[in-house]
Amino acid sequence: MRFQMRNGVDSEFLFQRLNTMPMKNWAVSHANPAVSQASINLTELSKQPISSPTLTEQQQIGNFFKEIDNIIGLHQRKLDLLKEQKKGLLQKMFV
């Protein structure tokens, strides 16, 4: 689900931006440890300065990295299938 936040930041862009190492480190240090899955509330997040381009550029950047994530996922599934095929062929060879 994609949306534009009140401050003009695209949700997909923000998601991708939060997945960078400096932001992950910041998020871990500011996460609420009292809940079963660590989370950061919007008030805390809004205090963090995040440089961002125009909304159109944010959407393009978010789409670009989302597509890369999808491609990586497809290749990972293909790799898993090839590993299974290799395993099966090796078992047939050494019966």
C-alpha atoms as a PDB file:
ATOM      1  CA  MET A   1       0.000   0.000   0.000  1.00  0.00           C
ATOM      2  CA  ARG A   2       1.496   3.291  -1.102  1.00  0.00           C
ATOM      3  CA  PHE A   3       0.528   6.689   0.222  1.00  0.00           C
ATOM      4  CA  GLN A   4       1.814  10.216   0.506  1.00  0.00           C
ATOM      5  CA  MET A   5       2.458  11.383   4.034  1.00  0.00           C
ATOM      6  CA  ARG A   6       1.313  14.797   5.252  1.00  0.00           C
ATOM      7  CA  ASN A   7       4.818  16.195   4.981  1.00  0.00           C
ATOM      8  CA  GLY A   8       4.986  15.374   1.253  1.00  0.00           C
ATOM      9  CA  VAL A   9       7.088  12.218   1.594  1.00  0.00           C
ATOM     10  CA  ASP A  10       6.158   9.175  -0.496  1.00  0.00           C
ATOM     11  CA  SER A  11       5.721   6.045   1.657  1.00  0.00           C
ATOM     12  CA  GLU A  12       7.719   3.756  -0.671  1.00  0.00           C
ATOM     13  CA  PHE A  13      10.581   6.271  -0.778  1.00  0.00           C
ATOM     14  CA  LEU A  14      10.540   6.505   3.032  1.00  0.00           C
ATOM     15  CA  PHE A  15      10.500   2.709   3.347  1.00  0.00           C
ATOM     16  CA  GLN A  16      13.507   2.393   1.032  1.00  0.00           C
ATOM     17  CA  ARG A  17      15.281   5.259   2.817  1.00  0.00           C
ATOM     18  CA  LEU A  18      14.731   3.618   6.202  1.00  0.00           C
ATOM     19  CA  ASN A  19      16.385   0.452   4.870  1.00  0.00           C
ATOM     20  CA  THR A  20      19.740   2.207   4.424  1.00  0.00           C
ATOM     21  CA  MET A  21      22.334   1.416   7.090  1.00  0.00           C
ATOM     22  CA  PRO A  22      22.515   4.874   8.740  1.00  0.00           C
ATOM     23  CA  MET A  23      18.727   4.963   9.068  1.00  0.00           C
ATOM     24  CA  LYS A  24      18.591   1.359  10.327  1.00  0.00           C
ATOM     25  CA  ASN A  25      21.101   2.230  13.031  1.00  0.00           C
ATOM     26  CA  TRP A  26      19.062   5.284  13.995  1.00  0.00           C
ATOM     27  CA  ALA A  27      15.828   3.271  13.979  1.00  0.00           C
ATOM     28  CA  VAL A  28      17.278   0.547  16.198  1.00  0.00           C
ATOM     29  CA  SER A  29      18.473   3.120  18.707  1.00  0.00           C
ATOM     30  CA  HIS A  30      15.041   4.843  18.785  1.00  0.00           C
ATOM     31  CA  ALA A  31      12.748   1.802  18.582  1.00  0.00           C
ATOM     32  CA  ASN A  32      10.265   1.044  21.330  1.00  0.00           C
ATOM     33  CA  PRO A  33      11.581  -2.187  22.913  1.00  0.00           C
ATOM     34  CA  ALA A  34       8.440  -2.667  25.033  1.00  0.00           C
ATOM     35  CA  VAL A  35       6.470  -4.211  22.158  1.00  0.00           C
ATOM     36  CA  SER A  36       7.007  -7.672  20.648  1.00  0.00           C
ATOM     37  CA  GLN A  37       8.102  -6.181  17.314  1.00  0.00           C
ATOM     38  CA  ALA A  38      10.243  -3.066  17.671  1.00  0.00           C
ATOM     39  CA  SER A  39       8.561  -0.019  16.202  1.00  0.00           C
ATOM     40  CA  ILE A  40       9.027   3.711  15.868  1.00  0.00           C
ATOM     41  CA  ASN A  41       6.086   6.036  16.193  1.00  0.00           C
ATOM     42  CA  LEU A  42       5.433   8.725  13.614  1.00  0.00           C
ATOM     43  CA  THR A  43       6.136  11.525  16.102  1.00  0.00           C
ATOM     44  CA  GLU A  44       9.634  10.185  16.755  1.00  0.00           C
ATOM     45  CA  LEU A  45      10.226   9.612  13.050  1.00  0.00           C
ATOM     46  CA  SER A  46       9.106  13.131  12.162  1.00  0.00           C
ATOM     47  CA  LYS A  47      11.861  14.517  14.413  1.00  0.00           C
ATOM     48  CA  GLN A  48      14.502  12.812  12.264  1.00  0.00           C
ATOM     49  CA  PRO A  49      15.642  15.048   9.401  1.00  0.00           C
ATOM     50  CA  ILE A  50      15.382  13.157   6.116  1.00  0.00           C
ATOM     51  CA  SER A  51      16.582  14.924   3.022  1.00  0.00           C
ATOM     52  CA  SER A  52      14.282  14.180   0.151  1.00  0.00           C
ATOM     53  CA  PRO A  53      13.848  15.236  -3.463  1.00  0.00           C
ATOM     54  CA  THR A  54      10.553  16.272  -5.035  1.00  0.00           C
ATOM     55  CA  LEU A  55       7.570  13.953  -4.639  1.00  0.00           C
ATOM     56  CA  THR A  56       7.817  12.832  -8.287  1.00  0.00           C
ATOM     57  CA  GLU A  57      11.481  11.958  -7.838  1.00  0.00           C
ATOM     58  CA  GLN A  58      10.707  10.173  -4.569  1.00  0.00           C
ATOM     59  CA  GLN A  59       8.129   8.028  -6.349  1.00  0.00           C
ATOM     60  CA  GLN A  60      10.594   7.202  -9.130  1.00  0.00           C
ATOM     61  CA  ILE A  61      13.334   6.315  -6.637  1.00  0.00           C
ATOM     62  CA  GLY A  62      10.926   4.234  -4.551  1.00  0.00           C
ATOM     63  CA  ASN A  63       9.700   2.386  -7.649  1.00  0.00           C
ATOM     64  CA  PHE A  64      13.271   1.777  -8.816  1.00  0.00           C
ATOM     65  CA  PHE A  65      14.377   0.175  -5.552  1.00  0.00           C
ATOM     66  CA  LYS A  66      11.130  -1.762  -5.189  1.00  0.00           C
ATOM     67  CA  GLU A  67      11.724  -3.213  -8.667  1.00  0.00           C
ATOM     68  CA  ILE A  68      15.295  -4.137  -7.703  1.00  0.00           C
ATOM     69  CA  ASP A  69      13.956  -5.879  -4.578  1.00  0.00           C
ATOM     70  CA  ASN A  70      11.499  -7.807  -6.774  1.00  0.00           C
ATOM     71  CA  ILE A  71      14.277  -8.845  -9.179  1.00  0.00           C
ATOM     72  CA  ILE A  72      16.459  -9.986  -6.286  1.00  0.00           C
ATOM     73  CA  GLY A  73      13.533 -12.043  -4.966  1.00  0.00           C
ATOM     74  CA  LEU A  74      12.988 -13.675  -8.362  1.00  0.00           C
ATOM     75  CA  HIS A  75      16.673 -14.552  -8.686  1.00  0.00           C
ATOM     76  CA  GLN A  76      16.721 -15.920  -5.142  1.00  0.00           C
ATOM     77  CA  ARG A  77      13.790 -18.220  -5.933  1.00  0.00           C
ATOM     78  CA  LYS A  78      15.512 -19.324  -9.158  1.00  0.00           C
ATOM     79  CA  LEU A  79      18.718 -20.023  -7.223  1.00  0.00           C
ATOM     80  CA  ASP A  80      16.783 -22.082  -4.670  1.00  0.00           C
ATOM     81  CA  LEU A  81      15.182 -24.139  -7.462  1.00  0.00           C
ATOM     82  CA  LEU A  82      18.551 -24.720  -9.135  1.00  0.00           C
ATOM     83  CA  LYS A  83      20.044 -25.853  -5.824  1.00  0.00           C
ATOM     84  CA  GLU A  84      17.207 -28.343  -5.419  1.00  0.00           C
ATOM     85  CA  GLN A  85      17.723 -29.554  -8.992  1.00  0.00           C
ATOM     86  CA  LYS A  86      21.463 -29.974  -8.341  1.00  0.00           C
ATOM     87  CA  LYS A  87      20.713 -31.911  -5.174  1.00  0.00           C
ATOM     88  CA  GLY A  88      18.352 -34.218  -7.042  1.00  0.00           C
ATOM     89  CA  LEU A  89      20.842 -34.811  -9.861  1.00  0.00           C
ATOM     90  CA  LEU A  90      23.641 -35.590  -7.399  1.00  0.00           C
ATOM     91  CA  GLN A  91      21.408 -38.090  -5.633  1.00  0.00           C
ATOM     92  CA  LYS A  92      20.679 -39.822  -8.963  1.00  0.00           C
ATOM     93  CA  MET A  93      24.370 -39.925  -9.849  1.00  0.00           C
ATOM     94  CA  PHE A  94      25.444 -41.632  -6.662  1.00  0.00           C
ATOM     95  CA  VAL A  95      22.672 -44.202  -6.127  1.00  0.00           C
END
